[in-house]
Amino acid sequence: MDDLDEELHDQIWTDLCQEAGFHVPVLTTRALTERLEVPEDWQEDHAYADGVRAMLGSAAGAMRTARPGTNPIPFTAALPSQLNGRPETLRLAILFDGDAMRIRFADERPT
């Protein structure tokens, strides 16, 4: 993982990954990391960690139900909108590259 692509740079906190059942590092693209961040004035109501937990839970569920050999695995996650806090469904994909799980928007070009 020393030579990660620039677009896949943000590692999710290890404890959140383990909580969701992941045993390898989980990385997100810059665009997804920016989407997961919440406005400062929402910090009490909508924590970054809650959005990450929801995303990781959805990813883990998709991995359990995917056909063997599927990589990347598409999935959806309902996260609070950055505009109004209401749930918003995001289309995402998770893939394993041999070293880490990488999560990106489904329509992002894989790197």
PDB file of N, CA and C in Angstrom:
ATOM      1  N   MET A   1       0.817  -1.198   0.000  1.00  0.00           N
ATOM      2  CA  MET A   1       0.000   0.000   0.000  1.00  0.00           C
ATOM      3  C   MET A   1       0.854   1.253   0.000  1.00  0.00           C
ATOM      4  N   ASP A   2       2.148   1.136  -0.179  1.00  0.00           N
ATOM      5  CA  ASP A   2       3.009   2.307  -0.176  1.00  0.00           C
ATOM      6  C   ASP A   2       2.762   3.210  -1.371  1.00  0.00           C
ATOM      7  N   ASP A   3       2.374   2.619  -2.475  1.00  0.00           N
ATOM      8  CA  ASP A   3       2.246   3.349  -3.716  1.00  0.00           C
ATOM      9  C   ASP A   3       0.796   3.540  -4.133  1.00  0.00           C
ATOM     10  N   LEU A   4      -0.044   4.014  -3.216  1.00  0.00           N
ATOM     11  CA  LEU A   4      -1.463   4.167  -3.528  1.00  0.00           C
ATOM     12  C   LEU A   4      -1.681   5.246  -4.569  1.00  0.00           C
ATOM     13  N   ASP A   5      -2.660   5.004  -5.425  1.00  0.00           N
ATOM     14  CA  ASP A   5      -3.038   6.018  -6.398  1.00  0.00           C
ATOM     15  C   ASP A   5      -3.522   7.256  -5.658  1.00  0.00           C
ATOM     16  N   GLU A   6      -3.300   8.408  -6.240  1.00  0.00           N
ATOM     17  CA  GLU A   6      -3.693   9.661  -5.592  1.00  0.00           C
ATOM     18  C   GLU A   6      -5.187   9.705  -5.304  1.00  0.00           C
ATOM     19  N   GLU A   7      -5.999   9.155  -6.197  1.00  0.00           N
ATOM     20  CA  GLU A   7      -7.447   9.208  -6.022  1.00  0.00           C
ATOM     21  C   GLU A   7      -7.922   8.321  -4.878  1.00  0.00           C
ATOM     22  N   LEU A   8      -7.182   7.307  -4.522  1.00  0.00           N
ATOM     23  CA  LEU A   8      -7.567   6.389  -3.463  1.00  0.00           C
ATOM     24  C   LEU A   8      -6.626   6.588  -2.295  1.00  0.00           C
ATOM     25  N   HIS A   9      -6.943   7.554  -1.483  1.00  0.00           N
ATOM     26  CA  HIS A   9      -5.948   7.953  -0.499  1.00  0.00           C
ATOM     27  C   HIS A   9      -6.395   7.922   0.954  1.00  0.00           C
ATOM     28  N   ASP A  10      -7.659   7.893   1.224  1.00  0.00           N
ATOM     29  CA  ASP A  10      -8.121   8.045   2.598  1.00  0.00           C
ATOM     30  C   ASP A  10      -8.455   6.709   3.226  1.00  0.00           C
ATOM     31  N   GLN A  11      -7.735   6.366   4.271  1.00  0.00           N
ATOM     32  CA  GLN A  11      -7.992   5.121   4.979  1.00  0.00           C
ATOM     33  C   GLN A  11      -8.997   5.387   6.085  1.00  0.00           C
ATOM     34  N   ILE A  12      -9.996   4.540   6.157  1.00  0.00           N
ATOM     35  CA  ILE A  12     -11.016   4.661   7.189  1.00  0.00           C
ATOM     36  C   ILE A  12     -10.443   4.152   8.503  1.00  0.00           C
ATOM     37  N   TRP A  13     -10.872   4.731   9.582  1.00  0.00           N
ATOM     38  CA  TRP A  13     -10.378   4.362  10.900  1.00  0.00           C
ATOM     39  C   TRP A  13     -10.479   2.863  11.105  1.00  0.00           C
ATOM     40  N   THR A  14      -9.424   2.265  11.592  1.00  0.00           N
ATOM     41  CA  THR A  14      -9.335   0.817  11.781  1.00  0.00           C
ATOM     42  C   THR A  14     -10.459   0.279  12.658  1.00  0.00           C
ATOM     43  N   ASP A  15     -10.794   0.974  13.743  1.00  0.00           N
ATOM     44  CA  ASP A  15     -11.826   0.453  14.637  1.00  0.00           C
ATOM     45  C   ASP A  15     -13.187   0.383  13.950  1.00  0.00           C
ATOM     46  N   LEU A  16     -13.507   1.339  13.084  1.00  0.00           N
ATOM     47  CA  LEU A  16     -14.776   1.291  12.354  1.00  0.00           C
ATOM     48  C   LEU A  16     -14.783   0.131  11.361  1.00  0.00           C
ATOM     49  N   CYS A  17     -13.652  -0.116  10.736  1.00  0.00           N
ATOM     50  CA  CYS A  17     -13.550  -1.224   9.780  1.00  0.00           C
ATOM     51  C   CYS A  17     -13.739  -2.550  10.498  1.00  0.00           C
ATOM     52  N   GLN A  18     -13.066  -2.723  11.621  1.00  0.00           N
ATOM     53  CA  GLN A  18     -13.180  -3.966  12.377  1.00  0.00           C
ATOM     54  C   GLN A  18     -14.592  -4.162  12.903  1.00  0.00           C
ATOM     55  N   GLU A  19     -15.225  -3.079  13.324  1.00  0.00           N
ATOM     56  CA  GLU A  19     -16.606  -3.125  13.805  1.00  0.00           C
ATOM     57  C   GLU A  19     -17.533  -3.679  12.721  1.00  0.00           C
ATOM     58  N   ALA A  20     -17.255  -3.347  11.467  1.00  0.00           N
ATOM     59  CA  ALA A  20     -18.079  -3.798  10.347  1.00  0.00           C
ATOM     60  C   ALA A  20     -17.637  -5.164   9.817  1.00  0.00           C
ATOM     61  N   GLY A  21     -16.570  -5.722  10.384  1.00  0.00           N
ATOM     62  CA  GLY A  21     -16.130  -7.052   9.973  1.00  0.00           C
ATOM     63  C   GLY A  21     -15.009  -7.097   8.964  1.00  0.00           C
ATOM     64  N   PHE A  22     -14.393  -5.968   8.674  1.00  0.00           N
ATOM     65  CA  PHE A  22     -13.276  -5.937   7.718  1.00  0.00           C
ATOM     66  C   PHE A  22     -11.971  -6.229   8.449  1.00  0.00           C
ATOM     67  N   HIS A  23     -11.123  -7.046   7.826  1.00  0.00           N
ATOM     68  CA  HIS A  23      -9.847  -7.426   8.425  1.00  0.00           C
ATOM     69  C   HIS A  23      -8.658  -6.904   7.633  1.00  0.00           C
ATOM     70  N   VAL A  24      -8.929  -6.096   6.633  1.00  0.00           N
ATOM     71  CA  VAL A  24      -7.889  -5.449   5.830  1.00  0.00           C
ATOM     72  C   VAL A  24      -8.212  -3.962   5.795  1.00  0.00           C
ATOM     73  N   PRO A  25      -7.255  -3.114   5.455  1.00  0.00           N
ATOM     74  CA  PRO A  25      -7.543  -1.674   5.373  1.00  0.00           C
ATOM     75  C   PRO A  25      -8.659  -1.383   4.362  1.00  0.00           C
ATOM     76  N   VAL A  26      -9.439  -0.365   4.646  1.00  0.00           N
ATOM     77  CA  VAL A  26     -10.487   0.090   3.732  1.00  0.00           C
ATOM     78  C   VAL A  26     -10.156   1.521   3.342  1.00  0.00           C
ATOM     79  N   LEU A  27     -10.064   1.761   2.041  1.00  0.00           N
ATOM     80  CA  LEU A  27      -9.727   3.077   1.509  1.00  0.00           C
ATOM     81  C   LEU A  27     -10.905   3.633   0.726  1.00  0.00           C
ATOM     82  N   THR A  28     -11.001   4.952   0.683  1.00  0.00           N
ATOM     83  CA  THR A  28     -12.039   5.605  -0.123  1.00  0.00           C
ATOM     84  C   THR A  28     -11.392   6.608  -1.065  1.00  0.00           C
ATOM     85  N   THR A  29     -12.089   6.897  -2.142  1.00  0.00           N
ATOM     86  CA  THR A  29     -11.593   7.918  -3.055  1.00  0.00           C
ATOM     87  C   THR A  29     -11.757   9.289  -2.413  1.00  0.00           C
ATOM     88  N   ARG A  30     -11.015  10.237  -2.931  1.00  0.00           N
ATOM     89  CA  ARG A  30     -11.108  11.610  -2.419  1.00  0.00           C
ATOM     90  C   ARG A  30     -12.551  12.120  -2.542  1.00  0.00           C
ATOM     91  N   ALA A  31     -13.196  11.845  -3.669  1.00  0.00           N
ATOM     92  CA  ALA A  31     -14.567  12.321  -3.877  1.00  0.00           C
ATOM     93  C   ALA A  31     -15.520  11.726  -2.842  1.00  0.00           C
ATOM     94  N   LEU A  32     -15.370  10.464  -2.539  1.00  0.00           N
ATOM     95  CA  LEU A  32     -16.243   9.840  -1.554  1.00  0.00           C
ATOM     96  C   LEU A  32     -15.940  10.362  -0.151  1.00  0.00           C
ATOM     97  N   THR A  33     -14.689  10.544   0.175  1.00  0.00           N
ATOM     98  CA  THR A  33     -14.331  11.098   1.485  1.00  0.00           C
ATOM     99  C   THR A  33     -14.968  12.470   1.668  1.00  0.00           C
ATOM    100  N   GLU A  34     -14.907  13.301   0.633  1.00  0.00           N
ATOM    101  CA  GLU A  34     -15.519  14.632   0.716  1.00  0.00           C
ATOM    102  C   GLU A  34     -17.020  14.532   0.909  1.00  0.00           C
ATOM    103  N   ARG A  35     -17.648  13.525   0.293  1.00  0.00           N
ATOM    104  CA  ARG A  35     -19.096  13.341   0.438  1.00  0.00           C
ATOM    105  C   ARG A  35     -19.453  12.867   1.851  1.00  0.00           C
ATOM    106  N   LEU A  36     -18.579  12.078   2.459  1.00  0.00           N
ATOM    107  CA  LEU A  36     -18.842  11.560   3.798  1.00  0.00           C
ATOM    108  C   LEU A  36     -18.711  12.632   4.879  1.00  0.00           C
ATOM    109  N   GLU A  37     -17.888  13.638   4.614  1.00  0.00           N
ATOM    110  CA  GLU A  37     -17.706  14.703   5.597  1.00  0.00           C
ATOM    111  C   GLU A  37     -19.002  15.477   5.767  1.00  0.00           C
ATOM    112  N   VAL A  38     -19.252  15.920   6.984  1.00  0.00           N
ATOM    113  CA  VAL A  38     -20.479  16.658   7.272  1.00  0.00           C
ATOM    114  C   VAL A  38     -20.127  18.078   7.693  1.00  0.00           C
ATOM    115  N   PRO A  39     -21.036  19.034   7.446  1.00  0.00           N
ATOM    116  CA  PRO A  39     -20.779  20.419   7.853  1.00  0.00           C
ATOM    117  C   PRO A  39     -20.514  20.506   9.361  1.00  0.00           C
ATOM    118  N   GLU A  40     -19.641  21.417   9.760  1.00  0.00           N
ATOM    119  CA  GLU A  40     -19.265  21.556  11.169  1.00  0.00           C
ATOM    120  C   GLU A  40     -20.460  21.796  12.082  1.00  0.00           C
ATOM    121  N   ASP A  41     -21.450  22.547  11.614  1.00  0.00           N
ATOM    122  CA  ASP A  41     -22.597  22.840  12.479  1.00  0.00           C
ATOM    123  C   ASP A  41     -23.511  21.626  12.676  1.00  0.00           C
ATOM    124  N   TRP A  42     -23.254  20.515  11.978  1.00  0.00           N
ATOM    125  CA  TRP A  42     -24.030  19.289  12.151  1.00  0.00           C
ATOM    126  C   TRP A  42     -23.332  18.303  13.073  1.00  0.00           C
ATOM    127  N   GLN A  43     -22.157  18.609  13.536  1.00  0.00           N
ATOM    128  CA  GLN A  43     -21.346  17.625  14.244  1.00  0.00           C
ATOM    129  C   GLN A  43     -22.093  16.928  15.389  1.00  0.00           C
ATOM    130  N   GLU A  44     -22.950  17.636  16.091  1.00  0.00           N
ATOM    131  CA  GLU A  44     -23.669  16.998  17.188  1.00  0.00           C
ATOM    132  C   GLU A  44     -24.731  16.033  16.679  1.00  0.00           C
ATOM    133  N   ASP A  45     -25.356  16.341  15.541  1.00  0.00           N
ATOM    134  CA  ASP A  45     -26.468  15.534  15.042  1.00  0.00           C
ATOM    135  C   ASP A  45     -26.030  14.461  14.039  1.00  0.00           C
ATOM    136  N   HIS A  46     -25.061  14.748  13.210  1.00  0.00           N
ATOM    137  CA  HIS A  46     -24.679  13.851  12.126  1.00  0.00           C
ATOM    138  C   HIS A  46     -23.168  13.661  12.135  1.00  0.00           C
ATOM    139  N   ALA A  47     -22.695  12.688  12.855  1.00  0.00           N
ATOM    140  CA  ALA A  47     -21.260  12.471  12.960  1.00  0.00           C
ATOM    141  C   ALA A  47     -20.735  11.772  11.716  1.00  0.00           C
ATOM    142  N   TYR A  48     -19.514  12.125  11.360  1.00  0.00           N
ATOM    143  CA  TYR A  48     -18.816  11.473  10.251  1.00  0.00           C
ATOM    144  C   TYR A  48     -18.813   9.952  10.464  1.00  0.00           C
ATOM    145  N   ALA A  49     -18.548   9.525  11.676  1.00  0.00           N
ATOM    146  CA  ALA A  49     -18.462   8.097  11.972  1.00  0.00           C
ATOM    147  C   ALA A  49     -19.772   7.371  11.677  1.00  0.00           C
ATOM    148  N   ASP A  50     -20.911   8.012  11.907  1.00  0.00           N
ATOM    149  CA  ASP A  50     -22.193   7.371  11.631  1.00  0.00           C
ATOM    150  C   ASP A  50     -22.366   7.104  10.137  1.00  0.00           C
ATOM    151  N   GLY A  51     -21.955   8.054   9.309  1.00  0.00           N
ATOM    152  CA  GLY A  51     -22.030   7.858   7.863  1.00  0.00           C
ATOM    153  C   GLY A  51     -21.101   6.745   7.404  1.00  0.00           C
ATOM    154  N   VAL A  52     -19.909   6.717   7.979  1.00  0.00           N
ATOM    155  CA  VAL A  52     -18.944   5.670   7.626  1.00  0.00           C
ATOM    156  C   VAL A  52     -19.479   4.307   8.057  1.00  0.00           C
ATOM    157  N   ARG A  53     -20.046   4.233   9.263  1.00  0.00           N
ATOM    158  CA  ARG A  53     -20.621   2.953   9.728  1.00  0.00           C
ATOM    159  C   ARG A  53     -21.717   2.475   8.781  1.00  0.00           C
ATOM    160  N   ALA A  54     -22.583   3.382   8.368  1.00  0.00           N
ATOM    161  CA  ALA A  54     -23.670   3.011   7.451  1.00  0.00           C
ATOM    162  C   ALA A  54     -23.102   2.508   6.131  1.00  0.00           C
ATOM    163  N   MET A  55     -22.100   3.191   5.603  1.00  0.00           N
ATOM    164  CA  MET A  55     -21.495   2.790   4.334  1.00  0.00           C
ATOM    165  C   MET A  55     -20.814   1.429   4.469  1.00  0.00           C
ATOM    166  N   LEU A  56     -20.035   1.241   5.536  1.00  0.00           N
ATOM    167  CA  LEU A  56     -19.327  -0.034   5.728  1.00  0.00           C
ATOM    168  C   LEU A  56     -20.310  -1.179   5.944  1.00  0.00           C
ATOM    169  N   GLY A  57     -21.383  -0.926   6.669  1.00  0.00           N
ATOM    170  CA  GLY A  57     -22.397  -1.965   6.875  1.00  0.00           C
ATOM    171  C   GLY A  57     -23.042  -2.380   5.565  1.00  0.00           C
ATOM    172  N   SER A  58     -23.345  -1.409   4.715  1.00  0.00           N
ATOM    173  CA  SER A  58     -23.920  -1.710   3.400  1.00  0.00           C
ATOM    174  C   SER A  58     -22.929  -2.478   2.534  1.00  0.00           C
ATOM    175  N   ALA A  59     -21.660  -2.074   2.587  1.00  0.00           N
ATOM    176  CA  ALA A  59     -20.624  -2.757   1.799  1.00  0.00           C
ATOM    177  C   ALA A  59     -20.466  -4.198   2.266  1.00  0.00           C
ATOM    178  N   ALA A  60     -20.424  -4.405   3.580  1.00  0.00           N
ATOM    179  CA  ALA A  60     -20.272  -5.758   4.114  1.00  0.00           C
ATOM    180  C   ALA A  60     -21.458  -6.636   3.721  1.00  0.00           C
ATOM    181  N   GLY A  61     -22.663  -6.082   3.774  1.00  0.00           N
ATOM    182  CA  GLY A  61     -23.852  -6.831   3.364  1.00  0.00           C
ATOM    183  C   GLY A  61     -23.803  -7.210   1.894  1.00  0.00           C
ATOM    184  N   ALA A  62     -23.363  -6.291   1.061  1.00  0.00           N
ATOM    185  CA  ALA A  62     -23.257  -6.575  -0.378  1.00  0.00           C
ATOM    186  C   ALA A  62     -22.223  -7.664  -0.639  1.00  0.00           C
ATOM    187  N   MET A  63     -21.133  -7.640   0.108  1.00  0.00           N
ATOM    188  CA  MET A  63     -20.091  -8.650  -0.075  1.00  0.00           C
ATOM    189  C   MET A  63     -20.596 -10.040   0.313  1.00  0.00           C
ATOM    190  N   ARG A  64     -21.403 -10.112   1.366  1.00  0.00           N
ATOM    191  CA  ARG A  64     -21.933 -11.408   1.806  1.00  0.00           C
ATOM    192  C   ARG A  64     -22.878 -12.010   0.779  1.00  0.00           C
ATOM    193  N   THR A  65     -23.593 -11.170   0.039  1.00  0.00           N
ATOM    194  CA  THR A  65     -24.603 -11.679  -0.892  1.00  0.00           C
ATOM    195  C   THR A  65     -24.130 -11.716  -2.343  1.00  0.00           C
ATOM    196  N   ALA A  66     -22.934 -11.221  -2.621  1.00  0.00           N
ATOM    197  CA  ALA A  66     -22.424 -11.191  -3.995  1.00  0.00           C
ATOM    198  C   ALA A  66     -22.021 -12.589  -4.454  1.00  0.00           C
ATOM    199  N   ARG A  67     -22.135 -12.799  -5.743  1.00  0.00           N
ATOM    200  CA  ARG A  67     -21.668 -14.061  -6.315  1.00  0.00           C
ATOM    201  C   ARG A  67     -20.163 -14.166  -6.139  1.00  0.00           C
ATOM    202  N   PRO A  68     -19.653 -15.342  -5.856  1.00  0.00           N
ATOM    203  CA  PRO A  68     -18.202 -15.514  -5.716  1.00  0.00           C
ATOM    204  C   PRO A  68     -17.466 -15.015  -6.959  1.00  0.00           C
ATOM    205  N   GLY A  69     -16.366 -14.336  -6.742  1.00  0.00           N
ATOM    206  CA  GLY A  69     -15.551 -13.831  -7.847  1.00  0.00           C
ATOM    207  C   GLY A  69     -15.949 -12.455  -8.352  1.00  0.00           C
ATOM    208  N   THR A  70     -17.051 -11.890  -7.839  1.00  0.00           N
ATOM    209  CA  THR A  70     -17.476 -10.555  -8.270  1.00  0.00           C
ATOM    210  C   THR A  70     -16.531  -9.515  -7.675  1.00  0.00           C
ATOM    211  N   ASN A  71     -15.948  -8.692  -8.527  1.00  0.00           N
ATOM    212  CA  ASN A  71     -15.018  -7.650  -8.069  1.00  0.00           C
ATOM    213  C   ASN A  71     -14.887  -6.624  -9.188  1.00  0.00           C
ATOM    214  N   PRO A  72     -15.372  -5.413  -9.034  1.00  0.00           N
ATOM    215  CA  PRO A  72     -15.938  -4.814  -7.824  1.00  0.00           C
ATOM    216  C   PRO A  72     -17.382  -5.249  -7.584  1.00  0.00           C
ATOM    217  N   ILE A  73     -17.832  -5.022  -6.375  1.00  0.00           N
ATOM    218  CA  ILE A  73     -19.194  -5.345  -5.976  1.00  0.00           C
ATOM    219  C   ILE A  73     -19.964  -4.035  -5.830  1.00  0.00           C
ATOM    220  N   PRO A  74     -21.021  -3.857  -6.623  1.00  0.00           N
ATOM    221  CA  PRO A  74     -21.826  -2.637  -6.485  1.00  0.00           C
ATOM    222  C   PRO A  74     -22.730  -2.739  -5.256  1.00  0.00           C
ATOM    223  N   PHE A  75     -23.009  -1.602  -4.637  1.00  0.00           N
ATOM    224  CA  PHE A  75     -23.944  -1.567  -3.511  1.00  0.00           C
ATOM    225  C   PHE A  75     -24.467  -0.147  -3.355  1.00  0.00           C
ATOM    226  N   THR A  76     -25.507  -0.005  -2.561  1.00  0.00           N
ATOM    227  CA  THR A  76     -26.041   1.318  -2.244  1.00  0.00           C
ATOM    228  C   THR A  76     -25.929   1.534  -0.736  1.00  0.00           C
ATOM    229  N   ALA A  77     -25.815   2.790  -0.359  1.00  0.00           N
ATOM    230  CA  ALA A  77     -25.762   3.163   1.057  1.00  0.00           C
ATOM    231  C   ALA A  77     -26.597   4.419   1.246  1.00  0.00           C
ATOM    232  N   ALA A  78     -27.404   4.434   2.279  1.00  0.00           N
ATOM    233  CA  ALA A  78     -28.219   5.614   2.594  1.00  0.00           C
ATOM    234  C   ALA A  78     -27.466   6.445   3.631  1.00  0.00           C
ATOM    235  N   LEU A  79     -27.084   7.634   3.225  1.00  0.00           N
ATOM    236  CA  LEU A  79     -26.339   8.545   4.096  1.00  0.00           C
ATOM    237  C   LEU A  79     -27.061   9.876   4.174  1.00  0.00           C
ATOM    238  N   PRO A  80     -26.880  10.616   5.268  1.00  0.00           N
ATOM    239  CA  PRO A  80     -27.519  11.928   5.362  1.00  0.00           C
ATOM    240  C   PRO A  80     -27.008  12.861   4.260  1.00  0.00           C
ATOM    241  N   SER A  81     -27.914  13.576   3.627  1.00  0.00           N
ATOM    242  CA  SER A  81     -27.545  14.569   2.622  1.00  0.00           C
ATOM    243  C   SER A  81     -26.734  15.679   3.274  1.00  0.00           C
ATOM    244  N   GLN A  82     -25.750  16.188   2.567  1.00  0.00           N
ATOM    245  CA  GLN A  82     -24.970  17.313   3.085  1.00  0.00           C
ATOM    246  C   GLN A  82     -25.765  18.615   3.034  1.00  0.00           C
ATOM    247  N   LEU A  83     -26.858  18.623   2.289  1.00  0.00           N
ATOM    248  CA  LEU A  83     -27.658  19.839   2.165  1.00  0.00           C
ATOM    249  C   LEU A  83     -28.706  19.971   3.259  1.00  0.00           C
ATOM    250  N   ASN A  84     -29.403  18.857   3.563  1.00  0.00           N
ATOM    251  CA  ASN A  84     -30.505  18.978   4.514  1.00  0.00           C
ATOM    252  C   ASN A  84     -30.535  17.881   5.576  1.00  0.00           C
ATOM    253  N   GLY A  85     -29.609  16.953   5.554  1.00  0.00           N
ATOM    254  CA  GLY A  85     -29.556  15.904   6.556  1.00  0.00           C
ATOM    255  C   GLY A  85     -30.490  14.737   6.318  1.00  0.00           C
ATOM    256  N   ARG A  86     -31.356  14.846   5.314  1.00  0.00           N
ATOM    257  CA  ARG A  86     -32.263  13.730   5.008  1.00  0.00           C
ATOM    258  C   ARG A  86     -31.488  12.605   4.330  1.00  0.00           C
ATOM    259  N   PRO A  87     -31.939  11.365   4.498  1.00  0.00           N
ATOM    260  CA  PRO A  87     -31.234  10.251   3.870  1.00  0.00           C
ATOM    261  C   PRO A  87     -31.173  10.400   2.346  1.00  0.00           C
ATOM    262  N   GLU A  88     -30.026  10.070   1.822  1.00  0.00           N
ATOM    263  CA  GLU A  88     -29.769  10.126   0.387  1.00  0.00           C
ATOM    264  C   GLU A  88     -29.096   8.802   0.016  1.00  0.00           C
ATOM    265  N   THR A  89     -29.587   8.151  -1.037  1.00  0.00           N
ATOM    266  CA  THR A  89     -29.017   6.876  -1.452  1.00  0.00           C
ATOM    267  C   THR A  89     -27.872   7.115  -2.426  1.00  0.00           C
ATOM    268  N   LEU A  90     -26.713   6.579  -2.083  1.00  0.00           N
ATOM    269  CA  LEU A  90     -25.533   6.685  -2.939  1.00  0.00           C
ATOM    270  C   LEU A  90     -25.257   5.339  -3.576  1.00  0.00           C
ATOM    271  N   ARG A  91     -24.906   5.365  -4.864  1.00  0.00           N
ATOM    272  CA  ARG A  91     -24.500   4.140  -5.574  1.00  0.00           C
ATOM    273  C   ARG A  91     -22.981   4.042  -5.486  1.00  0.00           C
ATOM    274  N   LEU A  92     -22.505   2.985  -4.842  1.00  0.00           N
ATOM    275  CA  LEU A  92     -21.086   2.817  -4.598  1.00  0.00           C
ATOM    276  C   LEU A  92     -20.610   1.462  -5.107  1.00  0.00           C
ATOM    277  N   ALA A  93     -19.313   1.249  -5.058  1.00  0.00           N
ATOM    278  CA  ALA A  93     -18.719  -0.044  -5.411  1.00  0.00           C
ATOM    279  C   ALA A  93     -17.534  -0.284  -4.493  1.00  0.00           C
ATOM    280  N   ILE A  94     -17.344  -1.547  -4.113  1.00  0.00           N
ATOM    281  CA  ILE A  94     -16.195  -1.932  -3.298  1.00  0.00           C
ATOM    282  C   ILE A  94     -15.415  -2.989  -4.065  1.00  0.00           C
ATOM    283  N   LEU A  95     -14.105  -2.857  -4.038  1.00  0.00           N
ATOM    284  CA  LEU A  95     -13.276  -3.844  -4.712  1.00  0.00           C
ATOM    285  C   LEU A  95     -12.075  -4.178  -3.851  1.00  0.00           C
ATOM    286  N   PHE A  96     -11.561  -5.383  -4.061  1.00  0.00           N
ATOM    287  CA  PHE A  96     -10.372  -5.817  -3.344  1.00  0.00           C
ATOM    288  C   PHE A  96      -9.228  -5.850  -4.336  1.00  0.00           C
ATOM    289  N   ASP A  97      -8.101  -5.209  -3.982  1.00  0.00           N
ATOM    290  CA  ASP A  97      -6.972  -5.135  -4.914  1.00  0.00           C
ATOM    291  C   ASP A  97      -5.798  -6.013  -4.486  1.00  0.00           C
ATOM    292  N   GLY A  98      -6.015  -6.872  -3.504  1.00  0.00           N
ATOM    293  CA  GLY A  98      -4.944  -7.722  -3.019  1.00  0.00           C
ATOM    294  C   GLY A  98      -4.332  -7.223  -1.723  1.00  0.00           C
ATOM    295  N   ASP A  99      -4.431  -5.920  -1.465  1.00  0.00           N
ATOM    296  CA  ASP A  99      -3.891  -5.321  -0.247  1.00  0.00           C
ATOM    297  C   ASP A  99      -4.968  -4.675   0.622  1.00  0.00           C
ATOM    298  N   ALA A 100      -5.980  -4.114  -0.005  1.00  0.00           N
ATOM    299  CA  ALA A 100      -6.983  -3.340   0.721  1.00  0.00           C
ATOM    300  C   ALA A 100      -8.314  -3.389  -0.011  1.00  0.00           C
ATOM    301  N   MET A 101      -9.381  -3.079   0.728  1.00  0.00           N
ATOM    302  CA  MET A 101     -10.692  -2.874   0.117  1.00  0.00           C
ATOM    303  C   MET A 101     -10.738  -1.405  -0.286  1.00  0.00           C
ATOM    304  N   ARG A 102     -11.256  -1.138  -1.464  1.00  0.00           N
ATOM    305  CA  ARG A 102     -11.351   0.239  -1.951  1.00  0.00           C
ATOM    306  C   ARG A 102     -12.806   0.537  -2.291  1.00  0.00           C
ATOM    307  N   ILE A 103     -13.315   1.626  -1.728  1.00  0.00           N
ATOM    308  CA  ILE A 103     -14.705   2.017  -1.972  1.00  0.00           C
ATOM    309  C   ILE A 103     -14.705   3.313  -2.765  1.00  0.00           C
ATOM    310  N   ARG A 104     -15.554   3.345  -3.786  1.00  0.00           N
ATOM    311  CA  ARG A 104     -15.660   4.518  -4.650  1.00  0.00           C
ATOM    312  C   ARG A 104     -17.111   4.667  -5.078  1.00  0.00           C
ATOM    313  N   PHE A 105     -17.428   5.819  -5.670  1.00  0.00           N
ATOM    314  CA  PHE A 105     -18.735   5.963  -6.305  1.00  0.00           C
ATOM    315  C   PHE A 105     -18.810   4.968  -7.461  1.00  0.00           C
ATOM    316  N   ALA A 106     -19.979   4.396  -7.703  1.00  0.00           N
ATOM    317  CA  ALA A 106     -20.127   3.374  -8.740  1.00  0.00           C
ATOM    318  C   ALA A 106     -19.756   3.911 -10.115  1.00  0.00           C
ATOM    319  N   ASP A 107     -19.983   5.193 -10.353  1.00  0.00           N
ATOM    320  CA  ASP A 107     -19.697   5.741 -11.676  1.00  0.00           C
ATOM    321  C   ASP A 107     -18.292   6.357 -11.789  1.00  0.00           C
ATOM    322  N   GLU A 108     -17.495   6.275 -10.715  1.00  0.00           N
ATOM    323  CA  GLU A 108     -16.107   6.742 -10.790  1.00  0.00           C
ATOM    324  C   GLU A 108     -15.288   5.737 -11.585  1.00  0.00           C
ATOM    325  N   ARG A 109     -14.380   6.234 -12.385  1.00  0.00           N
ATOM    326  CA  ARG A 109     -13.507   5.355 -13.153  1.00  0.00           C
ATOM    327  C   ARG A 109     -12.551   4.650 -12.188  1.00  0.00           C
ATOM    328  N   PRO A 110     -12.492   3.321 -12.253  1.00  0.00           N
ATOM    329  CA  PRO A 110     -11.539   2.629 -11.369  1.00  0.00           C
ATOM    330  C   PRO A 110     -10.109   3.032 -11.713  1.00  0.00           C
ATOM    331  N   THR A 111      -9.275   3.104 -10.672  1.00  0.00           N
ATOM    332  CA  THR A 111      -7.876   3.447 -10.906  1.00  0.00           C
ATOM    333  C   THR A 111      -7.001   2.278 -10.563  1.00  0.00           C
TER     334      THR A 111
END
